Amino acid sequence: MIVLRLDRVLADRKMRSKDLAERVGLTEANLSRIKTGRISAVRFSTLDAICRELGCQPGDILEYVPDE
């Protein structure tokens, strides 16, 4: 399973979700869905914009956790 760690990266950068949503051109609701993992896909352009704004790598946001 892929787990999204966007909330952790935001906390590390001391950035609010609202600010990131504005910077990458997403609604707060859509960014919230990404943060909570209630999505089935993320566009590469969205992932690129998030990583650019947070100064991070995709692996900082996405984590693979094997099913047990």
PDB file of N, CA and C in Angstrom:
ATOM      1  N   MET A   1       0.849  -1.167   0.000  1.00  0.00           N
ATOM      2  CA  MET A   1       0.000   0.000   0.000  1.00  0.00           C
ATOM      3  C   MET A   1       0.903   1.240   0.000  1.00  0.00           C
ATOM      4  N   ILE A   2       0.471   2.261  -0.714  1.00  0.00           N
ATOM      5  CA  ILE A   2       1.181   3.537  -0.746  1.00  0.00           C
ATOM      6  C   ILE A   2       0.543   4.465   0.282  1.00  0.00           C
ATOM      7  N   VAL A   3       1.373   5.016   1.158  1.00  0.00           N
ATOM      8  CA  VAL A   3       0.909   5.927   2.203  1.00  0.00           C
ATOM      9  C   VAL A   3       1.439   7.314   1.889  1.00  0.00           C
ATOM     10  N   LEU A   4       0.570   8.300   1.999  1.00  0.00           N
ATOM     11  CA  LEU A   4       0.964   9.679   1.752  1.00  0.00           C
ATOM     12  C   LEU A   4       1.413  10.328   3.049  1.00  0.00           C
ATOM     13  N   ARG A   5       2.565  10.946   3.028  1.00  0.00           N
ATOM     14  CA  ARG A   5       3.155  11.592   4.209  1.00  0.00           C
ATOM     15  C   ARG A   5       3.230  13.108   4.052  1.00  0.00           C
ATOM     16  N   LEU A   6       2.327  13.661   3.269  1.00  0.00           N
ATOM     17  CA  LEU A   6       2.343  15.098   3.007  1.00  0.00           C
ATOM     18  C   LEU A   6       2.190  15.912   4.282  1.00  0.00           C
ATOM     19  N   ASP A   7       1.374  15.449   5.210  1.00  0.00           N
ATOM     20  CA  ASP A   7       1.181  16.194   6.460  1.00  0.00           C
ATOM     21  C   ASP A   7       2.482  16.318   7.241  1.00  0.00           C
ATOM     22  N   ARG A   8       3.299  15.262   7.231  1.00  0.00           N
ATOM     23  CA  ARG A   8       4.585  15.283   7.929  1.00  0.00           C
ATOM     24  C   ARG A   8       5.547  16.279   7.278  1.00  0.00           C
ATOM     25  N   VAL A   9       5.575  16.294   5.943  1.00  0.00           N
ATOM     26  CA  VAL A   9       6.470  17.209   5.234  1.00  0.00           C
ATOM     27  C   VAL A   9       6.017  18.654   5.453  1.00  0.00           C
ATOM     28  N   LEU A  10       4.715  18.886   5.421  1.00  0.00           N
ATOM     29  CA  LEU A  10       4.209  20.234   5.704  1.00  0.00           C
ATOM     30  C   LEU A  10       4.618  20.689   7.105  1.00  0.00           C
ATOM     31  N   ALA A  11       4.495  19.816   8.069  1.00  0.00           N
ATOM     32  CA  ALA A  11       4.874  20.172   9.449  1.00  0.00           C
ATOM     33  C   ALA A  11       6.366  20.470   9.537  1.00  0.00           C
ATOM     34  N   ASP A  12       7.185  19.662   8.862  1.00  0.00           N
ATOM     35  CA  ASP A  12       8.633  19.891   8.861  1.00  0.00           C
ATOM     36  C   ASP A  12       8.982  21.255   8.269  1.00  0.00           C
ATOM     37  N   ARG A  13       8.216  21.666   7.254  1.00  0.00           N
ATOM     38  CA  ARG A  13       8.484  22.942   6.571  1.00  0.00           C
ATOM     39  C   ARG A  13       7.739  24.103   7.227  1.00  0.00           C
ATOM     40  N   LYS A  14       6.942  23.781   8.265  1.00  0.00           N
ATOM     41  CA  LYS A  14       6.132  24.797   8.959  1.00  0.00           C
ATOM     42  C   LYS A  14       5.261  25.576   7.974  1.00  0.00           C
ATOM     43  N   MET A  15       4.612  24.812   7.087  1.00  0.00           N
ATOM     44  CA  MET A  15       3.743  25.402   6.082  1.00  0.00           C
ATOM     45  C   MET A  15       2.314  24.901   6.299  1.00  0.00           C
ATOM     46  N   ARG A  16       1.363  25.778   6.128  1.00  0.00           N
ATOM     47  CA  ARG A  16      -0.040  25.397   6.258  1.00  0.00           C
ATOM     48  C   ARG A  16      -0.547  24.815   4.942  1.00  0.00           C
ATOM     49  N   SER A  17      -1.501  23.918   5.048  1.00  0.00           N
ATOM     50  CA  SER A  17      -2.109  23.313   3.859  1.00  0.00           C
ATOM     51  C   SER A  17      -2.698  24.379   2.951  1.00  0.00           C
ATOM     52  N   LYS A  18      -3.329  25.357   3.551  1.00  0.00           N
ATOM     53  CA  LYS A  18      -3.958  26.431   2.780  1.00  0.00           C
ATOM     54  C   LYS A  18      -2.933  27.145   1.913  1.00  0.00           C
ATOM     55  N   ASP A  19      -1.755  27.432   2.473  1.00  0.00           N
ATOM     56  CA  ASP A  19      -0.710  28.122   1.717  1.00  0.00           C
ATOM     57  C   ASP A  19      -0.195  27.262   0.569  1.00  0.00           C
ATOM     58  N   LEU A  20       0.017  25.982   0.836  1.00  0.00           N
ATOM     59  CA  LEU A  20       0.488  25.090  -0.219  1.00  0.00           C
ATOM     60  C   LEU A  20      -0.554  24.977  -1.320  1.00  0.00           C
ATOM     61  N   ALA A  21      -1.810  24.834  -0.958  1.00  0.00           N
ATOM     62  CA  ALA A  21      -2.879  24.720  -1.956  1.00  0.00           C
ATOM     63  C   ALA A  21      -2.877  25.939  -2.881  1.00  0.00           C
ATOM     64  N   GLU A  22      -2.734  27.115  -2.317  1.00  0.00           N
ATOM     65  CA  GLU A  22      -2.698  28.343  -3.126  1.00  0.00           C
ATOM     66  C   GLU A  22      -1.494  28.347  -4.057  1.00  0.00           C
ATOM     67  N   ARG A  23      -0.341  27.953  -3.547  1.00  0.00           N
ATOM     68  CA  ARG A  23       0.890  27.990  -4.343  1.00  0.00           C
ATOM     69  C   ARG A  23       0.895  26.998  -5.501  1.00  0.00           C
ATOM     70  N   VAL A  24       0.231  25.859  -5.327  1.00  0.00           N
ATOM     71  CA  VAL A  24       0.251  24.838  -6.382  1.00  0.00           C
ATOM     72  C   VAL A  24      -1.022  24.839  -7.220  1.00  0.00           C
ATOM     73  N   GLY A  25      -1.984  25.712  -6.883  1.00  0.00           N
ATOM     74  CA  GLY A  25      -3.181  25.829  -7.684  1.00  0.00           C
ATOM     75  C   GLY A  25      -4.213  24.734  -7.444  1.00  0.00           C
ATOM     76  N   LEU A  26      -4.298  24.251  -6.211  1.00  0.00           N
ATOM     77  CA  LEU A  26      -5.302  23.258  -5.831  1.00  0.00           C
ATOM     78  C   LEU A  26      -6.299  23.886  -4.880  1.00  0.00           C
ATOM     79  N   THR A  27      -7.491  23.315  -4.825  1.00  0.00           N
ATOM     80  CA  THR A  27      -8.420  23.736  -3.787  1.00  0.00           C
ATOM     81  C   THR A  27      -7.958  23.114  -2.476  1.00  0.00           C
ATOM     82  N   GLU A  28      -8.342  23.722  -1.381  1.00  0.00           N
ATOM     83  CA  GLU A  28      -7.996  23.148  -0.072  1.00  0.00           C
ATOM     84  C   GLU A  28      -8.615  21.767   0.085  1.00  0.00           C
ATOM     85  N   ALA A  29      -9.796  21.568  -0.476  1.00  0.00           N
ATOM     86  CA  ALA A  29     -10.462  20.264  -0.386  1.00  0.00           C
ATOM     87  C   ALA A  29      -9.660  19.185  -1.121  1.00  0.00           C
ATOM     88  N   ASN A  30      -9.162  19.509  -2.304  1.00  0.00           N
ATOM     89  CA  ASN A  30      -8.375  18.520  -3.047  1.00  0.00           C
ATOM     90  C   ASN A  30      -7.049  18.222  -2.361  1.00  0.00           C
ATOM     91  N   LEU A  31      -6.411  19.244  -1.811  1.00  0.00           N
ATOM     92  CA  LEU A  31      -5.166  18.999  -1.087  1.00  0.00           C
ATOM     93  C   LEU A  31      -5.443  18.158   0.156  1.00  0.00           C
ATOM     94  N   SER A  32      -6.556  18.392   0.807  1.00  0.00           N
ATOM     95  CA  SER A  32      -6.928  17.598   1.972  1.00  0.00           C
ATOM     96  C   SER A  32      -7.106  16.131   1.594  1.00  0.00           C
ATOM     97  N   ARG A  33      -7.695  15.871   0.451  1.00  0.00           N
ATOM     98  CA  ARG A  33      -7.860  14.487  -0.020  1.00  0.00           C
ATOM     99  C   ARG A  33      -6.504  13.831  -0.243  1.00  0.00           C
ATOM    100  N   ILE A  34      -5.566  14.584  -0.783  1.00  0.00           N
ATOM    101  CA  ILE A  34      -4.219  14.042  -0.986  1.00  0.00           C
ATOM    102  C   ILE A  34      -3.580  13.745   0.366  1.00  0.00           C
ATOM    103  N   LYS A  35      -3.673  14.693   1.301  1.00  0.00           N
ATOM    104  CA  LYS A  35      -3.057  14.513   2.623  1.00  0.00           C
ATOM    105  C   LYS A  35      -3.599  13.294   3.353  1.00  0.00           C
ATOM    106  N   THR A  36      -4.901  13.049   3.229  1.00  0.00           N
ATOM    107  CA  THR A  36      -5.511  11.958   3.969  1.00  0.00           C
ATOM    108  C   THR A  36      -5.517  10.643   3.208  1.00  0.00           C
ATOM    109  N   GLY A  37      -5.050  10.656   1.962  1.00  0.00           N
ATOM    110  CA  GLY A  37      -4.984   9.426   1.183  1.00  0.00           C
ATOM    111  C   GLY A  37      -6.312   8.997   0.599  1.00  0.00           C
ATOM    112  N   ARG A  38      -7.280   9.893   0.553  1.00  0.00           N
ATOM    113  CA  ARG A  38      -8.586   9.555  -0.007  1.00  0.00           C
ATOM    114  C   ARG A  38      -8.622   9.795  -1.509  1.00  0.00           C
ATOM    115  N   ILE A  39      -7.554   9.408  -2.170  1.00  0.00           N
ATOM    116  CA  ILE A  39      -7.457   9.537  -3.621  1.00  0.00           C
ATOM    117  C   ILE A  39      -6.941   8.221  -4.176  1.00  0.00           C
ATOM    118  N   SER A  40      -7.156   8.010  -5.460  1.00  0.00           N
ATOM    119  CA  SER A  40      -6.628   6.794  -6.080  1.00  0.00           C
ATOM    120  C   SER A  40      -5.485   7.111  -7.025  1.00  0.00           C
ATOM    121  N   ALA A  41      -5.265   8.399  -7.315  1.00  0.00           N
ATOM    122  CA  ALA A  41      -4.188   8.790  -8.224  1.00  0.00           C
ATOM    123  C   ALA A  41      -3.793  10.240  -7.968  1.00  0.00           C
ATOM    124  N   VAL A  42      -2.539  10.543  -8.290  1.00  0.00           N
ATOM    125  CA  VAL A  42      -2.043  11.917  -8.228  1.00  0.00           C
ATOM    126  C   VAL A  42      -1.365  12.196  -9.559  1.00  0.00           C
ATOM    127  N   ARG A  43      -1.711  13.273 -10.187  1.00  0.00           N
ATOM    128  CA  ARG A  43      -1.062  13.636 -11.455  1.00  0.00           C
ATOM    129  C   ARG A  43       0.398  13.988 -11.188  1.00  0.00           C
ATOM    130  N   PHE A  44       1.248  13.623 -12.143  1.00  0.00           N
ATOM    131  CA  PHE A  44       2.660  13.966 -12.010  1.00  0.00           C
ATOM    132  C   PHE A  44       2.841  15.478 -11.937  1.00  0.00           C
ATOM    133  N   SER A  45       2.022  16.235 -12.651  1.00  0.00           N
ATOM    134  CA  SER A  45       2.153  17.693 -12.611  1.00  0.00           C
ATOM    135  C   SER A  45       1.829  18.229 -11.207  1.00  0.00           C
ATOM    136  N   THR A  46       0.874  17.607 -10.539  1.00  0.00           N
ATOM    137  CA  THR A  46       0.538  18.005  -9.163  1.00  0.00           C
ATOM    138  C   THR A  46       1.665  17.623  -8.213  1.00  0.00           C
ATOM    139  N   LEU A  47       2.171  16.412  -8.347  1.00  0.00           N
ATOM    140  CA  LEU A  47       3.279  15.966  -7.512  1.00  0.00           C
ATOM    141  C   LEU A  47       4.507  16.845  -7.733  1.00  0.00           C
ATOM    142  N   ASP A  48       4.762  17.198  -8.987  1.00  0.00           N
ATOM    143  CA  ASP A  48       5.881  18.077  -9.321  1.00  0.00           C
ATOM    144  C   ASP A  48       5.733  19.438  -8.632  1.00  0.00           C
ATOM    145  N   ALA A  49       4.534  20.015  -8.700  1.00  0.00           N
ATOM    146  CA  ALA A  49       4.296  21.326  -8.095  1.00  0.00           C
ATOM    147  C   ALA A  49       4.442  21.270  -6.580  1.00  0.00           C
ATOM    148  N   ILE A  50       3.932  20.207  -5.958  1.00  0.00           N
ATOM    149  CA  ILE A  50       4.047  20.056  -4.505  1.00  0.00           C
ATOM    150  C   ILE A  50       5.514  19.934  -4.103  1.00  0.00           C
ATOM    151  N   CYS A  51       6.258  19.092  -4.801  1.00  0.00           N
ATOM    152  CA  CYS A  51       7.681  18.912  -4.477  1.00  0.00           C
ATOM    153  C   CYS A  51       8.475  20.192  -4.698  1.00  0.00           C
ATOM    154  N   ARG A  52       8.148  20.925  -5.749  1.00  0.00           N
ATOM    155  CA  ARG A  52       8.841  22.187  -6.025  1.00  0.00           C
ATOM    156  C   ARG A  52       8.612  23.173  -4.888  1.00  0.00           C
ATOM    157  N   GLU A  53       7.365  23.312  -4.436  1.00  0.00           N
ATOM    158  CA  GLU A  53       7.043  24.264  -3.372  1.00  0.00           C
ATOM    159  C   GLU A  53       7.618  23.852  -2.018  1.00  0.00           C
ATOM    160  N   LEU A  54       7.675  22.553  -1.768  1.00  0.00           N
ATOM    161  CA  LEU A  54       8.165  22.071  -0.466  1.00  0.00           C
ATOM    162  C   LEU A  54       9.668  21.791  -0.475  1.00  0.00           C
ATOM    163  N   GLY A  55      10.287  21.846  -1.648  1.00  0.00           N
ATOM    164  CA  GLY A  55      11.721  21.569  -1.738  1.00  0.00           C
ATOM    165  C   GLY A  55      12.039  20.148  -1.314  1.00  0.00           C
ATOM    166  N   CYS A  56      11.248  19.190  -1.814  1.00  0.00           N
ATOM    167  CA  CYS A  56      11.427  17.804  -1.402  1.00  0.00           C
ATOM    168  C   CYS A  56      11.386  16.876  -2.612  1.00  0.00           C
ATOM    169  N   GLN A  57      11.610  15.610  -2.372  1.00  0.00           N
ATOM    170  CA  GLN A  57      11.547  14.574  -3.387  1.00  0.00           C
ATOM    171  C   GLN A  57      10.210  13.834  -3.249  1.00  0.00           C
ATOM    172  N   PRO A  58       9.706  13.220  -4.333  1.00  0.00           N
ATOM    173  CA  PRO A  58       8.462  12.449  -4.226  1.00  0.00           C
ATOM    174  C   PRO A  58       8.511  11.389  -3.120  1.00  0.00           C
ATOM    175  N   GLY A  59       9.673  10.801  -2.897  1.00  0.00           N
ATOM    176  CA  GLY A  59       9.820   9.795  -1.852  1.00  0.00           C
ATOM    177  C   GLY A  59       9.656  10.346  -0.445  1.00  0.00           C
ATOM    178  N   ASP A  60       9.750  11.658  -0.301  1.00  0.00           N
ATOM    179  CA  ASP A  60       9.498  12.276   1.002  1.00  0.00           C
ATOM    180  C   ASP A  60       8.000  12.312   1.308  1.00  0.00           C
ATOM    181  N   ILE A  61       7.193  12.267   0.260  1.00  0.00           N
ATOM    182  CA  ILE A  61       5.743  12.372   0.391  1.00  0.00           C
ATOM    183  C   ILE A  61       5.066  11.010   0.290  1.00  0.00           C
ATOM    184  N   LEU A  62       5.603  10.138  -0.557  1.00  0.00           N
ATOM    185  CA  LEU A  62       5.016   8.821  -0.794  1.00  0.00           C
ATOM    186  C   LEU A  62       5.862   7.741  -0.138  1.00  0.00           C
ATOM    187  N   GLU A  63       5.198   6.823   0.524  1.00  0.00           N
ATOM    188  CA  GLU A  63       5.917   5.727   1.195  1.00  0.00           C
ATOM    189  C   GLU A  63       5.198   4.406   0.904  1.00  0.00           C
ATOM    190  N   TYR A  64       5.967   3.390   0.562  1.00  0.00           N
ATOM    191  CA  TYR A  64       5.394   2.064   0.326  1.00  0.00           C
ATOM    192  C   TYR A  64       5.431   1.271   1.635  1.00  0.00           C
ATOM    193  N   VAL A  65       4.276   0.759   2.038  1.00  0.00           N
ATOM    194  CA  VAL A  65       4.156  -0.066   3.235  1.00  0.00           C
ATOM    195  C   VAL A  65       3.544  -1.389   2.800  1.00  0.00           C
ATOM    196  N   PRO A  66       4.293  -2.500   2.918  1.00  0.00           N
ATOM    197  CA  PRO A  66       3.755  -3.788   2.496  1.00  0.00           C
ATOM    198  C   PRO A  66       2.514  -4.165   3.296  1.00  0.00           C
ATOM    199  N   ASP A  67       1.569  -4.803   2.619  1.00  0.00           N
ATOM    200  CA  ASP A  67       0.387  -5.334   3.309  1.00  0.00           C
ATOM    201  C   ASP A  67       0.826  -6.498   4.168  1.00  0.00           C
ATOM    202  N   GLU A  68       0.231  -6.599   5.331  1.00  0.00           N
ATOM    203  CA  GLU A  68       0.599  -7.695   6.230  1.00  0.00           C
ATOM    204  C   GLU A  68      -0.457  -8.764   6.250  1.00  0.00           C
TER     205      GLU A  68
END
